[in-house]
Amino acid sequence: MNRLVLISGCSGGGKSTLLAELGRRGHAIVEEPGRRIVKQELEGDGAALPWIDIAAFARRAIEMAAADHAAARGQAGWTFFDRGLIDAASALQHLTGEPILEKLSAFHRYNTRVFITPPWPEIYLTDPERRHGFDEAVAEYSRLAAIYPTLGYDVVTLPKIAVAERADFILDRLEAK
């Protein structure tokens, strides 16, 4: 069984908080490539930022997510990803029209059950790494919710509940599979 689990969905929907909870419970977690890239680029004079060169940003996210996937493949137990290769490839394909998504997703498979966070305006915040507005986050969510099933993934929308209950929800769904 593939134990690499994606948590995707709407920006500002609670993914990072949820991953932190899963990490506190002893599960391996992989932080979102996009946030790591933004931090790196802001520390230097980088231009691969979503508000400067979104295509360069997406390409870096693809590289980082592919490396994350490869590094996690041999681990025992569940590994939870805050976004991953499909999110990054989907963004690049949407921006440029490059047919990259299907090719990459065929070689870098995750658990067939993908959990997505729905738009949740009550908790949405911008910060130094997330500068886009809620409408852009909802549009991204809509694209991802449509793409995952076309790639053979079973999409489970996470309920808008407390973080500990969300973690329980995910673990229950994975164990029942």
Foldseek 3Di string as FASTA:
>chain_A
DFQEAEEAFFVLLCLVVLQVVVVVVPAAEAEQLLLVVLVVCVVDVHQLACVRNVLSVLVSSLVVQVVVLVVCRPDPHHYYYHDGNLLSVLSNCVVPVPPVNLVVCVVRDHPLEYEYRYQDVVRGDADSSRDDDSVVRNVSRVSVVVPSVVNRHDYDYFDPDDSVVSNVVVVVVVVVD
